[in-house]
Amino acid sequence: MTHPQHNLSAIQVRPQTAVFVSICSAMFLALAGPALSNPVEATRARVAPSHMALPQASARLCWARYATRAAQNSDIIEEVAFRVPCPEQMTTDFIATLQRALNARGHYDGPINGRTDGQTRAAVQKFQRAQGFDSPILTLDTAQHLGLLPVELGGY
């Protein structure tokens, strides 16, 4: 039986791989960052239990709406609805991890206190603005991009 080559972001897993290791590519890229410019070939892997617990995906979908003026001197208000982490996911530990992730990327220089304060919201907005979405409300996509929440894979 032949298997096609699987390509997971910067890791190439070939058919002769002893153990197939599935990783969250967003988390891997967040950890590896720009240090990996060339693919890494893995032909053997050792699987060991991990004591690191990822936050669970929420059993429900949570949404937020954000309104802003279309232009500086305009009377038109644009409103956007988008998915966000649910309140039960936004723990003190989660916010502290968010602050560390934003700090590591140069967007946050405040205290790591686990509170969603003005500095944290400003850093979230600065990071998201660079990604093309100008809002101080943390989106689900941003949380996943930063490796804070698992990426939902439909059908798997």
N, C-alpha and C. Protein backbone atom coordinates (compact mmCIF):
# COMPACT_ATOMS: atom_id res chain seq x y z
N MET A 1 0.85 -1.18 0.00
CA MET A 1 0.00 0.00 0.00
C MET A 1 0.89 1.24 0.00
N THR A 2 0.67 2.15 -0.91
CA THR A 2 1.48 3.36 -0.98
C THR A 2 0.69 4.52 -0.41
N HIS A 3 1.40 5.42 0.23
CA HIS A 3 0.78 6.60 0.81
C HIS A 3 1.40 7.83 0.15
N PRO A 4 0.59 8.82 -0.15
CA PRO A 4 1.15 10.05 -0.70
C PRO A 4 1.94 10.79 0.38
N GLN A 5 2.80 11.67 -0.06
CA GLN A 5 3.56 12.49 0.88
C GLN A 5 2.61 13.51 1.50
N HIS A 6 2.66 13.65 2.81
CA HIS A 6 1.84 14.63 3.51
C HIS A 6 2.70 15.84 3.80
N ASN A 7 2.18 17.03 3.60
CA ASN A 7 2.94 18.23 3.88
C ASN A 7 2.21 19.03 4.94
N LEU A 8 2.78 19.12 6.14
CA LEU A 8 2.20 19.88 7.23
C LEU A 8 3.05 21.12 7.47
N SER A 9 2.64 22.24 6.91
CA SER A 9 3.38 23.50 7.06
C SER A 9 4.85 23.29 6.73
N ALA A 10 5.72 23.49 7.74
CA ALA A 10 7.15 23.41 7.47
C ALA A 10 7.69 21.99 7.66
N ILE A 11 6.87 21.03 8.03
CA ILE A 11 7.33 19.66 8.23
C ILE A 11 6.82 18.80 7.09
N GLN A 12 7.69 18.02 6.49
CA GLN A 12 7.27 17.07 5.47
C GLN A 12 7.31 15.68 6.08
N VAL A 13 6.18 15.01 6.08
CA VAL A 13 6.11 13.66 6.61
C VAL A 13 6.03 12.72 5.43
N ARG A 14 7.00 11.85 5.30
CA ARG A 14 7.10 10.95 4.16
C ARG A 14 6.48 9.59 4.50
N PRO A 15 6.17 8.76 3.49
CA PRO A 15 5.53 7.46 3.72
C PRO A 15 6.31 6.54 4.66
N GLN A 16 7.64 6.65 4.71
CA GLN A 16 8.41 5.76 5.56
C GLN A 16 8.43 6.20 7.02
N THR A 17 7.65 7.20 7.38
CA THR A 17 7.61 7.68 8.76
C THR A 17 7.13 6.57 9.67
N ALA A 18 7.87 6.35 10.76
CA ALA A 18 7.54 5.28 11.70
C ALA A 18 6.25 5.57 12.44
N VAL A 19 6.06 6.80 12.85
CA VAL A 19 4.86 7.19 13.58
C VAL A 19 4.37 8.50 12.97
N PHE A 20 3.11 8.57 12.64
CA PHE A 20 2.55 9.79 12.09
C PHE A 20 2.17 10.71 13.24
N VAL A 21 2.76 11.87 13.28
CA VAL A 21 2.51 12.83 14.34
C VAL A 21 1.71 13.97 13.75
N SER A 22 0.54 14.22 14.30
CA SER A 22 -0.30 15.31 13.84
C SER A 22 -0.11 16.49 14.78
N ILE A 23 0.19 17.65 14.23
CA ILE A 23 0.37 18.83 15.06
C ILE A 23 -0.52 19.94 14.54
N CYS A 24 -0.80 20.87 15.39
CA CYS A 24 -1.56 22.06 15.00
C CYS A 24 -0.56 22.99 14.31
N SER A 25 -0.71 23.19 13.01
CA SER A 25 0.28 23.97 12.27
C SER A 25 0.35 25.39 12.78
N ALA A 26 -0.77 25.98 13.22
CA ALA A 26 -0.72 27.36 13.72
C ALA A 26 0.13 27.43 14.97
N MET A 27 -0.01 26.44 15.87
CA MET A 27 0.79 26.44 17.08
C MET A 27 2.25 26.21 16.74
N PHE A 28 2.53 25.28 15.82
CA PHE A 28 3.90 24.99 15.44
C PHE A 28 4.56 26.24 14.86
N LEU A 29 3.87 26.93 13.97
CA LEU A 29 4.44 28.12 13.37
C LEU A 29 4.60 29.23 14.38
N ALA A 30 3.68 29.33 15.36
CA ALA A 30 3.81 30.34 16.40
C ALA A 30 5.04 30.07 17.25
N LEU A 31 5.33 28.79 17.50
CA LEU A 31 6.49 28.44 18.31
C LEU A 31 7.78 28.53 17.51
N ALA A 32 7.75 28.04 16.26
CA ALA A 32 8.96 28.01 15.45
C ALA A 32 9.26 29.37 14.85
N GLY A 33 8.19 30.08 14.47
CA GLY A 33 8.34 31.41 13.91
C GLY A 33 9.16 31.44 12.65
N PRO A 34 9.80 32.57 12.41
CA PRO A 34 10.56 32.72 11.17
C PRO A 34 11.87 31.95 11.16
N ALA A 35 12.21 31.29 12.25
CA ALA A 35 13.46 30.54 12.29
C ALA A 35 13.47 29.40 11.27
N LEU A 36 12.28 28.90 10.92
CA LEU A 36 12.20 27.82 9.94
C LEU A 36 11.92 28.41 8.57
N SER A 37 12.95 28.49 7.76
CA SER A 37 12.74 29.00 6.42
C SER A 37 12.70 27.88 5.40
N ASN A 38 13.26 26.72 5.76
CA ASN A 38 13.27 25.57 4.86
C ASN A 38 12.50 24.42 5.50
N PRO A 39 11.87 23.58 4.69
CA PRO A 39 11.15 22.44 5.26
C PRO A 39 12.11 21.50 5.99
N VAL A 40 11.58 20.85 7.01
CA VAL A 40 12.34 19.87 7.78
C VAL A 40 11.78 18.51 7.46
N GLU A 41 12.64 17.55 7.14
CA GLU A 41 12.17 16.21 6.83
C GLU A 41 12.21 15.36 8.09
N ALA A 42 11.07 14.75 8.41
CA ALA A 42 11.00 13.87 9.58
C ALA A 42 10.75 12.46 9.09
N THR A 43 11.67 11.55 9.36
CA THR A 43 11.49 10.16 8.94
C THR A 43 11.21 9.25 10.12
N ARG A 44 11.48 9.71 11.34
CA ARG A 44 11.16 8.96 12.55
C ARG A 44 10.65 9.93 13.58
N ALA A 45 9.80 9.43 14.43
CA ALA A 45 9.26 10.29 15.49
C ALA A 45 9.09 9.46 16.74
N ARG A 46 9.29 10.07 17.86
CA ARG A 46 9.06 9.42 19.14
C ARG A 46 7.88 10.14 19.78
N VAL A 47 6.89 9.41 20.17
CA VAL A 47 5.71 9.99 20.78
C VAL A 47 5.78 9.75 22.28
N ALA A 48 5.66 10.83 23.03
CA ALA A 48 5.68 10.73 24.49
C ALA A 48 4.48 11.52 25.01
N PRO A 49 3.94 11.08 26.14
CA PRO A 49 2.80 11.83 26.69
C PRO A 49 3.22 13.26 27.02
N SER A 50 2.33 14.17 26.76
CA SER A 50 2.59 15.57 27.04
C SER A 50 1.75 16.01 28.22
N HIS A 51 2.33 16.84 29.05
CA HIS A 51 1.59 17.36 30.19
C HIS A 51 1.02 18.74 29.88
N MET A 52 1.22 19.20 28.65
CA MET A 52 0.70 20.50 28.24
C MET A 52 -0.75 20.34 27.80
N ALA A 53 -1.64 21.07 28.41
CA ALA A 53 -3.06 20.98 28.07
C ALA A 53 -3.47 22.19 27.25
N LEU A 54 -4.03 21.94 26.09
CA LEU A 54 -4.57 23.02 25.28
C LEU A 54 -5.97 23.35 25.76
N PRO A 55 -6.37 24.61 25.67
CA PRO A 55 -7.75 24.93 26.00
C PRO A 55 -8.69 24.16 25.08
N GLN A 56 -9.78 23.72 25.61
CA GLN A 56 -10.74 22.97 24.82
C GLN A 56 -11.52 23.91 23.91
N ALA A 57 -11.89 23.39 22.77
CA ALA A 57 -12.76 24.15 21.88
C ALA A 57 -14.11 24.28 22.57
N SER A 58 -14.74 25.39 22.40
CA SER A 58 -16.02 25.63 23.05
C SER A 58 -17.10 24.79 22.38
N ALA A 59 -18.07 24.37 23.17
CA ALA A 59 -19.18 23.59 22.64
C ALA A 59 -20.17 24.48 21.91
N ARG A 60 -20.00 25.76 22.00
CA ARG A 60 -20.91 26.69 21.32
C ARG A 60 -20.12 27.70 20.51
N LEU A 61 -20.80 28.41 19.66
CA LEU A 61 -20.18 29.45 18.84
C LEU A 61 -20.48 30.80 19.47
N CYS A 62 -19.47 31.61 19.67
CA CYS A 62 -19.65 32.94 20.24
C CYS A 62 -19.27 33.99 19.21
N TRP A 63 -20.06 35.04 19.17
CA TRP A 63 -19.90 36.09 18.19
C TRP A 63 -19.81 37.44 18.88
N ALA A 64 -19.19 38.40 18.21
CA ALA A 64 -19.15 39.79 18.68
C ALA A 64 -19.46 40.68 17.48
N ARG A 65 -19.91 41.88 17.80
CA ARG A 65 -20.13 42.89 16.76
C ARG A 65 -19.29 44.10 17.11
N TYR A 66 -18.72 44.71 16.09
CA TYR A 66 -17.89 45.88 16.29
C TYR A 66 -18.32 46.92 15.27
N ALA A 67 -18.61 48.12 15.75
CA ALA A 67 -19.06 49.20 14.87
C ALA A 67 -18.02 50.31 14.85
N THR A 68 -17.82 50.88 13.68
CA THR A 68 -16.88 51.99 13.52
C THR A 68 -17.35 52.88 12.37
N ARG A 69 -16.89 54.10 12.36
CA ARG A 69 -17.24 55.01 11.25
C ARG A 69 -16.51 54.56 9.98
N ALA A 70 -17.20 54.64 8.86
CA ALA A 70 -16.63 54.24 7.57
C ALA A 70 -15.46 55.14 7.19
N ALA A 71 -15.55 56.42 7.50
CA ALA A 71 -14.48 57.38 7.22
C ALA A 71 -14.52 58.43 8.32
N GLN A 72 -13.45 59.20 8.45
CA GLN A 72 -13.33 60.15 9.55
C GLN A 72 -14.49 61.15 9.59
N ASN A 73 -14.87 61.72 8.47
CA ASN A 73 -15.94 62.72 8.43
C ASN A 73 -17.21 62.15 7.83
N SER A 74 -17.49 60.91 8.09
CA SER A 74 -18.64 60.25 7.50
C SER A 74 -19.70 59.98 8.56
N ASP A 75 -20.96 59.97 8.13
CA ASP A 75 -22.05 59.60 9.02
C ASP A 75 -22.37 58.12 8.90
N ILE A 76 -21.68 57.45 8.03
CA ILE A 76 -21.92 56.02 7.81
C ILE A 76 -21.16 55.22 8.87
N ILE A 77 -21.89 54.31 9.51
CA ILE A 77 -21.27 53.44 10.51
C ILE A 77 -21.26 52.02 9.95
N GLU A 78 -20.07 51.42 9.96
CA GLU A 78 -19.92 50.03 9.51
C GLU A 78 -19.95 49.13 10.74
N GLU A 79 -20.71 48.07 10.63
CA GLU A 79 -20.78 47.10 11.72
C GLU A 79 -20.35 45.74 11.17
N VAL A 80 -19.47 45.08 11.92
CA VAL A 80 -18.95 43.79 11.51
C VAL A 80 -19.22 42.78 12.61
N ALA A 81 -19.70 41.60 12.24
CA ALA A 81 -19.89 40.50 13.19
C ALA A 81 -18.81 39.46 12.92
N PHE A 82 -18.23 38.92 13.99
CA PHE A 82 -17.15 37.95 13.84
C PHE A 82 -17.12 37.03 15.05
N ARG A 83 -16.51 35.84 14.84
CA ARG A 83 -16.41 34.86 15.93
C ARG A 83 -15.32 35.27 16.90
N VAL A 84 -15.58 35.00 18.18
CA VAL A 84 -14.64 35.31 19.25
C VAL A 84 -14.54 34.10 20.18
N PRO A 85 -13.46 34.03 20.98
CA PRO A 85 -13.42 32.99 22.01
C PRO A 85 -14.59 33.21 22.97
N CYS A 86 -15.20 32.14 23.43
CA CYS A 86 -16.34 32.26 24.35
C CYS A 86 -15.86 32.68 25.73
N PRO A 87 -16.74 33.31 26.52
CA PRO A 87 -16.35 33.81 27.84
C PRO A 87 -15.70 32.76 28.74
N GLU A 88 -16.17 31.51 28.67
CA GLU A 88 -15.59 30.47 29.53
C GLU A 88 -14.15 30.13 29.13
N GLN A 89 -13.74 30.51 27.94
CA GLN A 89 -12.36 30.29 27.50
C GLN A 89 -11.44 31.44 27.91
N MET A 90 -12.00 32.59 28.20
CA MET A 90 -11.23 33.79 28.50
C MET A 90 -10.86 33.85 29.98
N THR A 91 -10.11 32.86 30.42
CA THR A 91 -9.69 32.78 31.82
C THR A 91 -8.50 33.72 32.06
N THR A 92 -8.15 33.89 33.32
CA THR A 92 -6.98 34.70 33.67
C THR A 92 -5.73 34.12 33.02
N ASP A 93 -5.59 32.79 33.04
CA ASP A 93 -4.42 32.15 32.41
C ASP A 93 -4.41 32.39 30.90
N PHE A 94 -5.59 32.34 30.27
CA PHE A 94 -5.69 32.57 28.83
C PHE A 94 -5.24 33.99 28.50
N ILE A 95 -5.73 34.98 29.25
CA ILE A 95 -5.37 36.38 28.99
C ILE A 95 -3.88 36.60 29.23
N ALA A 96 -3.32 35.98 30.28
CA ALA A 96 -1.88 36.11 30.53
C ALA A 96 -1.08 35.51 29.37
N THR A 97 -1.54 34.39 28.83
CA THR A 97 -0.87 33.78 27.68
C THR A 97 -1.00 34.67 26.46
N LEU A 98 -2.16 35.29 26.27
CA LEU A 98 -2.35 36.26 25.19
C LEU A 98 -1.37 37.41 25.34
N GLN A 99 -1.23 37.93 26.54
CA GLN A 99 -0.30 39.04 26.78
C GLN A 99 1.14 38.63 26.47
N ARG A 100 1.53 37.42 26.86
CA ARG A 100 2.88 36.94 26.55
C ARG A 100 3.08 36.79 25.04
N ALA A 101 2.06 36.26 24.35
CA ALA A 101 2.16 36.07 22.89
C ALA A 101 2.29 37.41 22.18
N LEU A 102 1.52 38.41 22.61
CA LEU A 102 1.60 39.73 22.00
C LEU A 102 2.92 40.41 22.35
N ASN A 103 3.42 40.19 23.56
CA ASN A 103 4.70 40.74 23.98
C ASN A 103 5.83 40.16 23.14
N ALA A 104 5.78 38.86 22.89
CA ALA A 104 6.83 38.19 22.10
C ALA A 104 6.86 38.72 20.67
N ARG A 105 5.75 39.25 20.20
CA ARG A 105 5.67 39.78 18.83
C ARG A 105 5.83 41.30 18.79
N GLY A 106 6.16 41.90 19.94
CA GLY A 106 6.42 43.34 19.99
C GLY A 106 5.20 44.23 20.02
N HIS A 107 4.03 43.70 20.37
CA HIS A 107 2.81 44.51 20.38
C HIS A 107 2.34 44.88 21.78
N TYR A 108 2.91 44.27 22.82
CA TYR A 108 2.47 44.51 24.19
C TYR A 108 3.68 44.67 25.10
N ASP A 109 3.70 45.76 25.88
CA ASP A 109 4.80 45.96 26.81
C ASP A 109 4.32 46.19 28.23
N GLY A 110 3.09 45.84 28.50
CA GLY A 110 2.52 46.02 29.83
C GLY A 110 2.79 44.81 30.72
N PRO A 111 2.22 44.83 31.92
CA PRO A 111 2.43 43.71 32.85
C PRO A 111 1.65 42.47 32.40
N ILE A 112 2.21 41.30 32.68
CA ILE A 112 1.51 40.04 32.40
C ILE A 112 0.66 39.76 33.64
N ASN A 113 -0.57 40.26 33.62
CA ASN A 113 -1.43 40.18 34.80
C ASN A 113 -2.72 39.40 34.58
N GLY A 114 -2.96 38.93 33.36
CA GLY A 114 -4.16 38.14 33.10
C GLY A 114 -5.45 38.96 33.06
N ARG A 115 -5.33 40.26 32.93
CA ARG A 115 -6.52 41.13 32.88
C ARG A 115 -6.66 41.76 31.50
N THR A 116 -7.89 41.83 31.04
CA THR A 116 -8.17 42.47 29.75
C THR A 116 -8.31 43.97 29.99
N ASP A 117 -7.19 44.63 30.15
CA ASP A 117 -7.18 46.07 30.43
C ASP A 117 -6.97 46.85 29.13
N GLY A 118 -6.87 48.16 29.26
CA GLY A 118 -6.70 49.01 28.08
C GLY A 118 -5.44 48.69 27.29
N GLN A 119 -4.33 48.39 27.98
CA GLN A 119 -3.09 48.05 27.28
C GLN A 119 -3.24 46.76 26.48
N THR A 120 -3.95 45.79 27.06
CA THR A 120 -4.14 44.51 26.37
C THR A 120 -5.02 44.71 25.14
N ARG A 121 -6.12 45.46 25.29
CA ARG A 121 -7.00 45.71 24.14
C ARG A 121 -6.27 46.49 23.04
N ALA A 122 -5.44 47.47 23.44
CA ALA A 122 -4.67 48.24 22.44
C ALA A 122 -3.69 47.33 21.70
N ALA A 123 -3.07 46.41 22.42
CA ALA A 123 -2.12 45.48 21.79
C ALA A 123 -2.84 44.53 20.84
N VAL A 124 -4.02 44.05 21.25
CA VAL A 124 -4.82 43.18 20.38
C VAL A 124 -5.18 43.94 19.10
N GLN A 125 -5.62 45.19 19.26
CA GLN A 125 -6.00 45.99 18.09
C GLN A 125 -4.80 46.23 17.18
N LYS A 126 -3.65 46.52 17.77
CA LYS A 126 -2.43 46.75 16.97
C LYS A 126 -2.06 45.50 16.18
N PHE A 127 -2.11 44.33 16.85
CA PHE A 127 -1.78 43.08 16.17
C PHE A 127 -2.79 42.78 15.07
N GLN A 128 -4.08 42.91 15.38
CA GLN A 128 -5.11 42.59 14.39
C GLN A 128 -5.11 43.59 13.24
N ARG A 129 -4.80 44.85 13.51
CA ARG A 129 -4.73 45.85 12.44
C ARG A 129 -3.66 45.43 11.42
N ALA A 130 -2.54 44.92 11.91
CA ALA A 130 -1.47 44.46 11.00
C ALA A 130 -1.93 43.25 10.18
N GLN A 131 -2.94 42.52 10.69
CA GLN A 131 -3.49 41.36 9.97
C GLN A 131 -4.67 41.75 9.08
N GLY A 132 -5.07 43.03 9.10
CA GLY A 132 -6.14 43.51 8.23
C GLY A 132 -7.50 43.65 8.90
N PHE A 133 -7.56 43.57 10.23
CA PHE A 133 -8.83 43.73 10.94
C PHE A 133 -8.60 44.67 12.11
N ASP A 134 -9.19 45.85 12.07
CA ASP A 134 -8.94 46.89 13.06
C ASP A 134 -10.00 46.88 14.16
N SER A 135 -9.77 46.07 15.19
CA SER A 135 -10.70 45.97 16.32
C SER A 135 -9.93 45.60 17.58
N PRO A 136 -10.32 46.16 18.73
CA PRO A 136 -9.68 45.77 19.99
C PRO A 136 -10.25 44.48 20.58
N ILE A 137 -11.25 43.92 19.95
CA ILE A 137 -11.88 42.69 20.43
C ILE A 137 -11.14 41.50 19.81
N LEU A 138 -10.64 40.61 20.66
CA LEU A 138 -9.90 39.45 20.19
C LEU A 138 -10.81 38.54 19.36
N THR A 139 -10.43 38.29 18.12
CA THR A 139 -11.20 37.39 17.28
C THR A 139 -10.74 35.95 17.49
N LEU A 140 -11.61 35.01 17.14
CA LEU A 140 -11.25 33.60 17.22
C LEU A 140 -10.07 33.31 16.28
N ASP A 141 -10.09 33.90 15.09
CA ASP A 141 -9.00 33.70 14.13
C ASP A 141 -7.66 34.15 14.71
N THR A 142 -7.65 35.30 15.39
CA THR A 142 -6.41 35.80 15.98
C THR A 142 -5.94 34.87 17.09
N ALA A 143 -6.86 34.42 17.95
CA ALA A 143 -6.50 33.50 19.03
C ALA A 143 -5.90 32.22 18.46
N GLN A 144 -6.47 31.72 17.36
CA GLN A 144 -5.94 30.52 16.72
C GLN A 144 -4.59 30.82 16.05
N HIS A 145 -4.47 31.97 15.41
CA HIS A 145 -3.23 32.37 14.75
C HIS A 145 -2.08 32.47 15.76
N LEU A 146 -2.38 32.94 16.96
CA LEU A 146 -1.37 33.06 18.01
C LEU A 146 -1.09 31.74 18.71
N GLY A 147 -1.85 30.69 18.35
CA GLY A 147 -1.65 29.38 18.97
C GLY A 147 -2.29 29.25 20.34
N LEU A 148 -3.26 30.11 20.65
CA LEU A 148 -3.91 30.09 21.96
C LEU A 148 -5.08 29.14 22.01
N LEU A 149 -5.70 28.89 20.89
CA LEU A 149 -6.84 27.97 20.79
C LEU A 149 -6.60 27.02 19.63
N PRO A 150 -7.11 25.81 19.74
CA PRO A 150 -6.94 24.85 18.64
C PRO A 150 -7.67 25.32 17.39
N VAL A 151 -7.09 25.01 16.25
CA VAL A 151 -7.71 25.32 14.97
C VAL A 151 -8.77 24.25 14.71
N GLU A 152 -9.96 24.67 14.37
CA GLU A 152 -11.04 23.73 14.11
C GLU A 152 -10.90 23.19 12.69
N LEU A 153 -10.81 21.87 12.58
CA LEU A 153 -10.70 21.23 11.27
C LEU A 153 -12.03 20.57 10.97
N GLY A 154 -12.75 21.09 10.03
CA GLY A 154 -14.03 20.53 9.67
C GLY A 154 -13.91 19.15 9.05
N GLY A 155 -14.73 18.22 9.52
CA GLY A 155 -14.76 16.90 8.93
C GLY A 155 -13.70 15.93 9.41
N TYR A 156 -12.90 16.31 10.40
CA TYR A 156 -11.85 15.41 10.88
C TYR A 156 -12.14 14.94 12.28
